[in-house]
Amino acid sequence: MITIEIRVRPNAKNNRVGGVAGEPPRLVVAVAAPAVDGKANAAVAKVVAKAFDLRARDISIVHGELARDKRLTLSGDEVELQSRLAELMGILS
């Protein structure tokens, strides 16, 4: 299991995971869903799960339920998840 910091961009044209924003750097997650009635949070779980090759139930929002900046926990192999996170953030390892 790992914990990651993300910046959500709701109402995007396409669902996308990648890049960094803010300080400290956060993984950018763009979702087409609006930030209304938890729709964006549900979309975030699905999009992040797909990007990390996990199931949506392996993703938990532990901080920032109502904010654009969120902290997520991802359940899975820590080494693989860290490697994928580095790829998505554009960090070469």
PDB file of N, CA and C in Angstrom:
ATOM      1  N   MET A   1       0.848  -1.185   0.000  1.00  0.00           N
ATOM      2  CA  MET A   1       0.000   0.000   0.000  1.00  0.00           C
ATOM      3  C   MET A   1       0.886   1.238   0.000  1.00  0.00           C
ATOM      4  N   ILE A   2       0.473   2.242  -0.803  1.00  0.00           N
ATOM      5  CA  ILE A   2       1.168   3.525  -0.812  1.00  0.00           C
ATOM      6  C   ILE A   2       0.142   4.643  -0.660  1.00  0.00           C
ATOM      7  N   THR A   3       0.627   5.796  -0.249  1.00  0.00           N
ATOM      8  CA  THR A   3      -0.198   6.996  -0.152  1.00  0.00           C
ATOM      9  C   THR A   3       0.311   7.985  -1.185  1.00  0.00           C
ATOM     10  N   ILE A   4      -0.624   8.570  -1.954  1.00  0.00           N
ATOM     11  CA  ILE A   4      -0.231   9.554  -2.957  1.00  0.00           C
ATOM     12  C   ILE A   4      -1.047  10.826  -2.778  1.00  0.00           C
ATOM     13  N   GLU A   5      -0.469  11.927  -3.220  1.00  0.00           N
ATOM     14  CA  GLU A   5      -1.141  13.227  -3.214  1.00  0.00           C
ATOM     15  C   GLU A   5      -1.538  13.543  -4.647  1.00  0.00           C
ATOM     16  N   ILE A   6      -2.804  13.950  -4.837  1.00  0.00           N
ATOM     17  CA  ILE A   6      -3.266  14.275  -6.195  1.00  0.00           C
ATOM     18  C   ILE A   6      -3.924  15.649  -6.220  1.00  0.00           C
ATOM     19  N   ARG A   7      -3.985  16.225  -7.418  1.00  0.00           N
ATOM     20  CA  ARG A   7      -4.740  17.450  -7.687  1.00  0.00           C
ATOM     21  C   ARG A   7      -5.782  17.070  -8.722  1.00  0.00           C
ATOM     22  N   VAL A   8      -7.059  17.219  -8.373  1.00  0.00           N
ATOM     23  CA  VAL A   8      -8.153  16.836  -9.264  1.00  0.00           C
ATOM     24  C   VAL A   8      -8.568  18.035 -10.106  1.00  0.00           C
ATOM     25  N   ARG A   9      -8.800  17.770 -11.382  1.00  0.00           N
ATOM     26  CA  ARG A   9      -9.321  18.785 -12.296  1.00  0.00           C
ATOM     27  C   ARG A   9     -10.654  18.263 -12.841  1.00  0.00           C
ATOM     28  N   PRO A  10     -11.766  18.641 -12.181  1.00  0.00           N
ATOM     29  CA  PRO A  10     -13.079  18.182 -12.655  1.00  0.00           C
ATOM     30  C   PRO A  10     -13.499  18.925 -13.924  1.00  0.00           C
ATOM     31  N   ASN A  11     -14.537  18.430 -14.575  1.00  0.00           N
ATOM     32  CA  ASN A  11     -15.094  19.037 -15.788  1.00  0.00           C
ATOM     33  C   ASN A  11     -14.090  19.099 -16.939  1.00  0.00           C
ATOM     34  N   ALA A  12     -13.150  18.166 -16.971  1.00  0.00           N
ATOM     35  CA  ALA A  12     -12.165  18.126 -18.061  1.00  0.00           C
ATOM     36  C   ALA A  12     -12.808  17.511 -19.305  1.00  0.00           C
ATOM     37  N   LYS A  13     -12.194  17.742 -20.460  1.00  0.00           N
ATOM     38  CA  LYS A  13     -12.705  17.142 -21.695  1.00  0.00           C
ATOM     39  C   LYS A  13     -12.592  15.623 -21.650  1.00  0.00           C
ATOM     40  N   ASN A  14     -11.466  15.128 -21.136  1.00  0.00           N
ATOM     41  CA  ASN A  14     -11.202  13.694 -21.089  1.00  0.00           C
ATOM     42  C   ASN A  14     -10.692  13.303 -19.713  1.00  0.00           C
ATOM     43  N   ASN A  15     -10.882  12.045 -19.352  1.00  0.00           N
ATOM     44  CA  ASN A  15     -10.269  11.509 -18.147  1.00  0.00           C
ATOM     45  C   ASN A  15      -8.799  11.248 -18.448  1.00  0.00           C
ATOM     46  N   ARG A  16      -7.923  11.705 -17.538  1.00  0.00           N
ATOM     47  CA  ARG A  16      -6.484  11.585 -17.780  1.00  0.00           C
ATOM     48  C   ARG A  16      -5.740  11.616 -16.455  1.00  0.00           C
ATOM     49  N   VAL A  17      -4.692  10.832 -16.360  1.00  0.00           N
ATOM     50  CA  VAL A  17      -3.826  10.841 -15.187  1.00  0.00           C
ATOM     51  C   VAL A  17      -2.415  11.082 -15.686  1.00  0.00           C
ATOM     52  N   GLY A  18      -1.752  12.098 -15.136  1.00  0.00           N
ATOM     53  CA  GLY A  18      -0.369  12.354 -15.518  1.00  0.00           C
ATOM     54  C   GLY A  18       0.015  13.795 -15.334  1.00  0.00           C
ATOM     55  N   GLY A  19       1.281  14.002 -15.081  1.00  0.00           N
ATOM     56  CA  GLY A  19       1.799  15.338 -14.855  1.00  0.00           C
ATOM     57  C   GLY A  19       1.791  15.704 -13.387  1.00  0.00           C
ATOM     58  N   VAL A  20       2.312  16.881 -13.094  1.00  0.00           N
ATOM     59  CA  VAL A  20       2.372  17.357 -11.714  1.00  0.00           C
ATOM     60  C   VAL A  20       1.847  18.777 -11.637  1.00  0.00           C
ATOM     61  N   ALA A  21       1.353  19.119 -10.453  1.00  0.00           N
ATOM     62  CA  ALA A  21       0.866  20.475 -10.195  1.00  0.00           C
ATOM     63  C   ALA A  21       1.101  20.801  -8.728  1.00  0.00           C
ATOM     64  N   GLY A  22       1.317  22.070  -8.456  1.00  0.00           N
ATOM     65  CA  GLY A  22       1.405  22.538  -7.084  1.00  0.00           C
ATOM     66  C   GLY A  22       2.736  22.286  -6.417  1.00  0.00           C
ATOM     67  N   GLU A  23       2.788  22.733  -5.185  1.00  0.00           N
ATOM     68  CA  GLU A  23       3.971  22.567  -4.354  1.00  0.00           C
ATOM     69  C   GLU A  23       3.512  22.156  -2.973  1.00  0.00           C
ATOM     70  N   PRO A  24       3.811  20.997  -2.470  1.00  0.00           N
ATOM     71  CA  PRO A  24       4.661  19.982  -3.081  1.00  0.00           C
ATOM     72  C   PRO A  24       4.001  19.377  -4.309  1.00  0.00           C
ATOM     73  N   PRO A  25       4.788  18.776  -5.205  1.00  0.00           N
ATOM     74  CA  PRO A  25       4.229  18.215  -6.439  1.00  0.00           C
ATOM     75  C   PRO A  25       3.164  17.157  -6.172  1.00  0.00           C
ATOM     76  N   ARG A  26       2.050  17.283  -6.885  1.00  0.00           N
ATOM     77  CA  ARG A  26       0.943  16.330  -6.779  1.00  0.00           C
ATOM     78  C   ARG A  26       0.649  15.783  -8.166  1.00  0.00           C
ATOM     79  N   LEU A  27       0.254  14.530  -8.225  1.00  0.00           N
ATOM     80  CA  LEU A  27      -0.149  13.900  -9.472  1.00  0.00           C
ATOM     81  C   LEU A  27      -1.455  14.526  -9.941  1.00  0.00           C
ATOM     82  N   VAL A  28      -1.534  14.902 -11.211  1.00  0.00           N
ATOM     83  CA  VAL A  28      -2.743  15.514 -11.762  1.00  0.00           C
ATOM     84  C   VAL A  28      -3.692  14.425 -12.258  1.00  0.00           C
ATOM     85  N   VAL A  29      -4.955  14.518 -11.819  1.00  0.00           N
ATOM     86  CA  VAL A  29      -6.003  13.598 -12.252  1.00  0.00           C
ATOM     87  C   VAL A  29      -7.142  14.445 -12.819  1.00  0.00           C
ATOM     88  N   ALA A  30      -7.324  14.404 -14.136  1.00  0.00           N
ATOM     89  CA  ALA A  30      -8.405  15.144 -14.787  1.00  0.00           C
ATOM     90  C   ALA A  30      -9.568  14.184 -15.022  1.00  0.00           C
ATOM     91  N   VAL A  31     -10.772  14.614 -14.639  1.00  0.00           N
ATOM     92  CA  VAL A  31     -11.967  13.786 -14.843  1.00  0.00           C
ATOM     93  C   VAL A  31     -13.048  14.623 -15.507  1.00  0.00           C
ATOM     94  N   ALA A  32     -13.838  13.981 -16.359  1.00  0.00           N
ATOM     95  CA  ALA A  32     -14.917  14.670 -17.059  1.00  0.00           C
ATOM     96  C   ALA A  32     -16.092  14.953 -16.135  1.00  0.00           C
ATOM     97  N   ALA A  33     -16.209  14.212 -15.044  1.00  0.00           N
ATOM     98  CA  ALA A  33     -17.332  14.362 -14.115  1.00  0.00           C
ATOM     99  C   ALA A  33     -17.270  15.706 -13.392  1.00  0.00           C
ATOM    100  N   PRO A  34     -18.438  16.286 -13.090  1.00  0.00           N
ATOM    101  CA  PRO A  34     -18.461  17.530 -12.332  1.00  0.00           C
ATOM    102  C   PRO A  34     -18.226  17.265 -10.842  1.00  0.00           C
ATOM    103  N   ALA A  35     -17.809  18.303 -10.143  1.00  0.00           N
ATOM    104  CA  ALA A  35     -17.570  18.190  -8.700  1.00  0.00           C
ATOM    105  C   ALA A  35     -18.878  18.396  -7.940  1.00  0.00           C
ATOM    106  N   VAL A  36     -19.840  17.518  -8.193  1.00  0.00           N
ATOM    107  CA  VAL A  36     -21.169  17.609  -7.590  1.00  0.00           C
ATOM    108  C   VAL A  36     -21.588  16.228  -7.097  1.00  0.00           C
ATOM    109  N   ASP A  37     -22.088  16.162  -5.883  1.00  0.00           N
ATOM    110  CA  ASP A  37     -22.651  14.927  -5.323  1.00  0.00           C
ATOM    111  C   ASP A  37     -21.693  13.736  -5.385  1.00  0.00           C
ATOM    112  N   GLY A  38     -20.408  13.967  -5.231  1.00  0.00           N
ATOM    113  CA  GLY A  38     -19.439  12.882  -5.209  1.00  0.00           C
ATOM    114  C   GLY A  38     -19.123  12.268  -6.561  1.00  0.00           C
ATOM    115  N   LYS A  39     -19.648  12.852  -7.635  1.00  0.00           N
ATOM    116  CA  LYS A  39     -19.412  12.289  -8.969  1.00  0.00           C
ATOM    117  C   LYS A  39     -17.929  12.341  -9.342  1.00  0.00           C
ATOM    118  N   ALA A  40     -17.270  13.442  -9.039  1.00  0.00           N
ATOM    119  CA  ALA A  40     -15.852  13.557  -9.369  1.00  0.00           C
ATOM    120  C   ALA A  40     -15.025  12.566  -8.550  1.00  0.00           C
ATOM    121  N   ASN A  41     -15.358  12.367  -7.274  1.00  0.00           N
ATOM    122  CA  ASN A  41     -14.616  11.421  -6.441  1.00  0.00           C
ATOM    123  C   ASN A  41     -14.749   9.998  -6.972  1.00  0.00           C
ATOM    124  N   ALA A  42     -15.948   9.617  -7.395  1.00  0.00           N
ATOM    125  CA  ALA A  42     -16.146   8.278  -7.971  1.00  0.00           C
ATOM    126  C   ALA A  42     -15.338   8.134  -9.251  1.00  0.00           C
ATOM    127  N   ALA A  43     -15.326   9.181 -10.072  1.00  0.00           N
ATOM    128  CA  ALA A  43     -14.558   9.149 -11.315  1.00  0.00           C
ATOM    129  C   ALA A  43     -13.064   9.078 -11.029  1.00  0.00           C
ATOM    130  N   VAL A  44     -12.611   9.800 -10.006  1.00  0.00           N
ATOM    131  CA  VAL A  44     -11.195   9.771  -9.627  1.00  0.00           C
ATOM    132  C   VAL A  44     -10.780   8.348  -9.275  1.00  0.00           C
ATOM    133  N   ALA A  45     -11.585   7.665  -8.476  1.00  0.00           N
ATOM    134  CA  ALA A  45     -11.253   6.290  -8.081  1.00  0.00           C
ATOM    135  C   ALA A  45     -11.125   5.391  -9.308  1.00  0.00           C
ATOM    136  N   LYS A  46     -12.055   5.528 -10.248  1.00  0.00           N
ATOM    137  CA  LYS A  46     -12.021   4.682 -11.450  1.00  0.00           C
ATOM    138  C   LYS A  46     -10.808   4.999 -12.325  1.00  0.00           C
ATOM    139  N   VAL A  47     -10.544   6.278 -12.528  1.00  0.00           N
ATOM    140  CA  VAL A  47      -9.452   6.695 -13.414  1.00  0.00           C
ATOM    141  C   VAL A  47      -8.092   6.332 -12.812  1.00  0.00           C
ATOM    142  N   VAL A  48      -7.924   6.572 -11.520  1.00  0.00           N
ATOM    143  CA  VAL A  48      -6.653   6.241 -10.867  1.00  0.00           C
ATOM    144  C   VAL A  48      -6.458   4.724 -10.850  1.00  0.00           C
ATOM    145  N   ALA A  49      -7.530   3.989 -10.581  1.00  0.00           N
ATOM    146  CA  ALA A  49      -7.433   2.521 -10.581  1.00  0.00           C
ATOM    147  C   ALA A  49      -6.978   2.016 -11.943  1.00  0.00           C
ATOM    148  N   LYS A  50      -7.549   2.561 -12.999  1.00  0.00           N
ATOM    149  CA  LYS A  50      -7.164   2.137 -14.354  1.00  0.00           C
ATOM    150  C   LYS A  50      -5.698   2.478 -14.632  1.00  0.00           C
ATOM    151  N   ALA A  51      -5.272   3.672 -14.222  1.00  0.00           N
ATOM    152  CA  ALA A  51      -3.894   4.111 -14.470  1.00  0.00           C
ATOM    153  C   ALA A  51      -2.874   3.237 -13.738  1.00  0.00           C
ATOM    154  N   PHE A  52      -3.256   2.729 -12.554  1.00  0.00           N
ATOM    155  CA  PHE A  52      -2.343   1.913 -11.759  1.00  0.00           C
ATOM    156  C   PHE A  52      -2.633   0.417 -11.901  1.00  0.00           C
ATOM    157  N   ASP A  53      -3.550   0.054 -12.806  1.00  0.00           N
ATOM    158  CA  ASP A  53      -3.932  -1.338 -13.036  1.00  0.00           C
ATOM    159  C   ASP A  53      -4.427  -1.993 -11.744  1.00  0.00           C
ATOM    160  N   LEU A  54      -5.347  -1.291 -11.067  1.00  0.00           N
ATOM    161  CA  LEU A  54      -5.971  -1.775  -9.833  1.00  0.00           C
ATOM    162  C   LEU A  54      -7.480  -1.800 -10.012  1.00  0.00           C
ATOM    163  N   ARG A  55      -8.177  -2.274  -8.991  1.00  0.00           N
ATOM    164  CA  ARG A  55      -9.633  -2.178  -8.960  1.00  0.00           C
ATOM    165  C   ARG A  55     -10.002  -0.892  -8.225  1.00  0.00           C
ATOM    166  N   ALA A  56     -11.162  -0.330  -8.540  1.00  0.00           N
ATOM    167  CA  ALA A  56     -11.584   0.919  -7.894  1.00  0.00           C
ATOM    168  C   ALA A  56     -11.667   0.750  -6.380  1.00  0.00           C
ATOM    169  N   ARG A  57     -12.000  -0.440  -5.910  1.00  0.00           N
ATOM    170  CA  ARG A  57     -12.107  -0.643  -4.458  1.00  0.00           C
ATOM    171  C   ARG A  57     -10.742  -0.680  -3.775  1.00  0.00           C
ATOM    172  N   ASP A  58      -9.648  -0.716  -4.561  1.00  0.00           N
ATOM    173  CA  ASP A  58      -8.298  -0.664  -4.000  1.00  0.00           C
ATOM    174  C   ASP A  58      -7.844   0.776  -3.753  1.00  0.00           C
ATOM    175  N   ILE A  59      -8.699   1.733  -4.101  1.00  0.00           N
ATOM    176  CA  ILE A  59      -8.388   3.162  -3.943  1.00  0.00           C
ATOM    177  C   ILE A  59      -9.268   3.733  -2.837  1.00  0.00           C
ATOM    178  N   SER A  60      -8.649   4.458  -1.893  1.00  0.00           N
ATOM    179  CA  SER A  60      -9.409   5.110  -0.822  1.00  0.00           C
ATOM    180  C   SER A  60      -8.981   6.566  -0.715  1.00  0.00           C
ATOM    181  N   ILE A  61      -9.960   7.451  -0.589  1.00  0.00           N
ATOM    182  CA  ILE A  61      -9.666   8.857  -0.334  1.00  0.00           C
ATOM    183  C   ILE A  61      -9.571   9.013   1.172  1.00  0.00           C
ATOM    184  N   VAL A  62      -8.389   9.367   1.670  1.00  0.00           N
ATOM    185  CA  VAL A  62      -8.193   9.476   3.109  1.00  0.00           C
ATOM    186  C   VAL A  62      -8.167  10.923   3.594  1.00  0.00           C
ATOM    187  N   HIS A  63      -8.044  11.865   2.660  1.00  0.00           N
ATOM    188  CA  HIS A  63      -8.049  13.287   3.040  1.00  0.00           C
ATOM    189  C   HIS A  63      -8.457  14.106   1.822  1.00  0.00           C
ATOM    190  N   GLY A  64      -9.289  15.116   2.029  1.00  0.00           N
ATOM    191  CA  GLY A  64      -9.655  16.023   0.951  1.00  0.00           C
ATOM    192  C   GLY A  64     -10.879  15.610   0.176  1.00  0.00           C
ATOM    193  N   GLU A  65     -11.803  14.924   0.814  1.00  0.00           N
ATOM    194  CA  GLU A  65     -13.024  14.451   0.156  1.00  0.00           C
ATOM    195  C   GLU A  65     -13.727  15.566  -0.622  1.00  0.00           C
ATOM    196  N   LEU A  66     -13.728  16.779  -0.085  1.00  0.00           N
ATOM    197  CA  LEU A  66     -14.433  17.896  -0.714  1.00  0.00           C
ATOM    198  C   LEU A  66     -13.497  18.921  -1.354  1.00  0.00           C
ATOM    199  N   ALA A  67     -12.219  18.586  -1.500  1.00  0.00           N
ATOM    200  CA  ALA A  67     -11.231  19.527  -2.039  1.00  0.00           C
ATOM    201  C   ALA A  67     -10.623  18.996  -3.335  1.00  0.00           C
ATOM    202  N   ARG A  68      -9.979  19.881  -4.071  1.00  0.00           N
ATOM    203  CA  ARG A  68      -9.287  19.454  -5.293  1.00  0.00           C
ATOM    204  C   ARG A  68      -7.999  18.701  -4.964  1.00  0.00           C
ATOM    205  N   ASP A  69      -7.340  19.092  -3.878  1.00  0.00           N
ATOM    206  CA  ASP A  69      -6.139  18.382  -3.438  1.00  0.00           C
ATOM    207  C   ASP A  69      -6.567  17.255  -2.511  1.00  0.00           C
ATOM    208  N   LYS A  70      -6.203  16.022  -2.857  1.00  0.00           N
ATOM    209  CA  LYS A  70      -6.630  14.845  -2.111  1.00  0.00           C
ATOM    210  C   LYS A  70      -5.437  13.960  -1.791  1.00  0.00           C
ATOM    211  N   ARG A  71      -5.595  13.158  -0.753  1.00  0.00           N
ATOM    212  CA  ARG A  71      -4.618  12.133  -0.411  1.00  0.00           C
ATOM    213  C   ARG A  71      -5.322  10.792  -0.568  1.00  0.00           C
ATOM    214  N   LEU A  72      -4.724   9.903  -1.357  1.00  0.00           N
ATOM    215  CA  LEU A  72      -5.301   8.588  -1.618  1.00  0.00           C
ATOM    216  C   LEU A  72      -4.371   7.500  -1.108  1.00  0.00           C
ATOM    217  N   THR A  73      -4.969   6.378  -0.714  1.00  0.00           N
ATOM    218  CA  THR A  73      -4.171   5.186  -0.474  1.00  0.00           C
ATOM    219  C   THR A  73      -4.499   4.200  -1.580  1.00  0.00           C
ATOM    220  N   LEU A  74      -3.461   3.541  -2.076  1.00  0.00           N
ATOM    221  CA  LEU A  74      -3.597   2.539  -3.121  1.00  0.00           C
ATOM    222  C   LEU A  74      -3.091   1.224  -2.563  1.00  0.00           C
ATOM    223  N   SER A  75      -3.921   0.198  -2.630  1.00  0.00           N
ATOM    224  CA  SER A  75      -3.543  -1.123  -2.133  1.00  0.00           C
ATOM    225  C   SER A  75      -2.968  -1.937  -3.278  1.00  0.00           C
ATOM    226  N   GLY A  76      -1.799  -2.514  -3.040  1.00  0.00           N
ATOM    227  CA  GLY A  76      -1.152  -3.327  -4.059  1.00  0.00           C
ATOM    228  C   GLY A  76       0.329  -3.441  -3.764  1.00  0.00           C
ATOM    229  N   ASP A  77       1.076  -3.948  -4.730  1.00  0.00           N
ATOM    230  CA  ASP A  77       2.512  -4.113  -4.580  1.00  0.00           C
ATOM    231  C   ASP A  77       3.177  -2.734  -4.558  1.00  0.00           C
ATOM    232  N   GLU A  78       3.828  -2.436  -3.450  1.00  0.00           N
ATOM    233  CA  GLU A  78       4.393  -1.097  -3.238  1.00  0.00           C
ATOM    234  C   GLU A  78       5.427  -0.712  -4.285  1.00  0.00           C
ATOM    235  N   VAL A  79       6.287  -1.635  -4.661  1.00  0.00           N
ATOM    236  CA  VAL A  79       7.342  -1.337  -5.638  1.00  0.00           C
ATOM    237  C   VAL A  79       6.728  -1.004  -6.995  1.00  0.00           C
ATOM    238  N   GLU A  80       5.760  -1.814  -7.430  1.00  0.00           N
ATOM    239  CA  GLU A  80       5.107  -1.569  -8.719  1.00  0.00           C
ATOM    240  C   GLU A  80       4.344  -0.249  -8.707  1.00  0.00           C
ATOM    241  N   LEU A  81       3.649   0.030  -7.602  1.00  0.00           N
ATOM    242  CA  LEU A  81       2.872   1.270  -7.510  1.00  0.00           C
ATOM    243  C   LEU A  81       3.783   2.495  -7.526  1.00  0.00           C
ATOM    244  N   GLN A  82       4.909   2.435  -6.805  1.00  0.00           N
ATOM    245  CA  GLN A  82       5.858   3.559  -6.782  1.00  0.00           C
ATOM    246  C   GLN A  82       6.453   3.779  -8.171  1.00  0.00           C
ATOM    247  N   SER A  83       6.760   2.695  -8.859  1.00  0.00           N
ATOM    248  CA  SER A  83       7.315   2.792 -10.206  1.00  0.00           C
ATOM    249  C   SER A  83       6.311   3.446 -11.158  1.00  0.00           C
ATOM    250  N   ARG A  84       5.070   3.014 -11.093  1.00  0.00           N
ATOM    251  CA  ARG A  84       4.019   3.573 -11.957  1.00  0.00           C
ATOM    252  C   ARG A  84       3.780   5.041 -11.615  1.00  0.00           C
ATOM    253  N   LEU A  85       3.803   5.395 -10.324  1.00  0.00           N
ATOM    254  CA  LEU A  85       3.634   6.782  -9.912  1.00  0.00           C
ATOM    255  C   LEU A  85       4.727   7.658 -10.511  1.00  0.00           C
ATOM    256  N   ALA A  86       5.954   7.178 -10.465  1.00  0.00           N
ATOM    257  CA  ALA A  86       7.072   7.935 -11.041  1.00  0.00           C
ATOM    258  C   ALA A  86       6.865   8.149 -12.538  1.00  0.00           C
ATOM    259  N   GLU A  87       6.400   7.110 -13.240  1.00  0.00           N
ATOM    260  CA  GLU A  87       6.121   7.242 -14.675  1.00  0.00           C
ATOM    261  C   GLU A  87       5.064   8.300 -14.935  1.00  0.00           C
ATOM    262  N   LEU A  88       3.971   8.246 -14.176  1.00  0.00           N
ATOM    263  CA  LEU A  88       2.862   9.169 -14.383  1.00  0.00           C
ATOM    264  C   LEU A  88       3.224  10.616 -14.053  1.00  0.00           C
ATOM    265  N   MET A  89       4.113  10.782 -13.084  1.00  0.00           N
ATOM    266  CA  MET A  89       4.530  12.130 -12.710  1.00  0.00           C
ATOM    267  C   MET A  89       5.657  12.647 -13.589  1.00  0.00           C
ATOM    268  N   GLY A  90       6.153  11.804 -14.494  1.00  0.00           N
ATOM    269  CA  GLY A  90       7.225  12.222 -15.394  1.00  0.00           C
ATOM    270  C   GLY A  90       8.585  12.230 -14.765  1.00  0.00           C
ATOM    271  N   ILE A  91       8.739  11.432 -13.704  1.00  0.00           N
ATOM    272  CA  ILE A  91      10.036  11.332 -13.017  1.00  0.00           C
ATOM    273  C   ILE A  91      10.744  10.092 -13.552  1.00  0.00           C
ATOM    274  N   LEU A  92      11.899  10.273 -14.100  1.00  0.00           N
ATOM    275  CA  LEU A  92      12.651   9.123 -14.616  1.00  0.00           C
ATOM    276  C   LEU A  92      13.437   8.503 -13.481  1.00  0.00           C
ATOM    277  N   SER A  93      13.293   7.180 -13.359  1.00  0.00           N
ATOM    278  CA  SER A  93      14.039   6.495 -12.298  1.00  0.00           C
ATOM    279  C   SER A  93      15.092   5.578 -12.864  1.00  0.00           C
TER     280      SER A  93
END
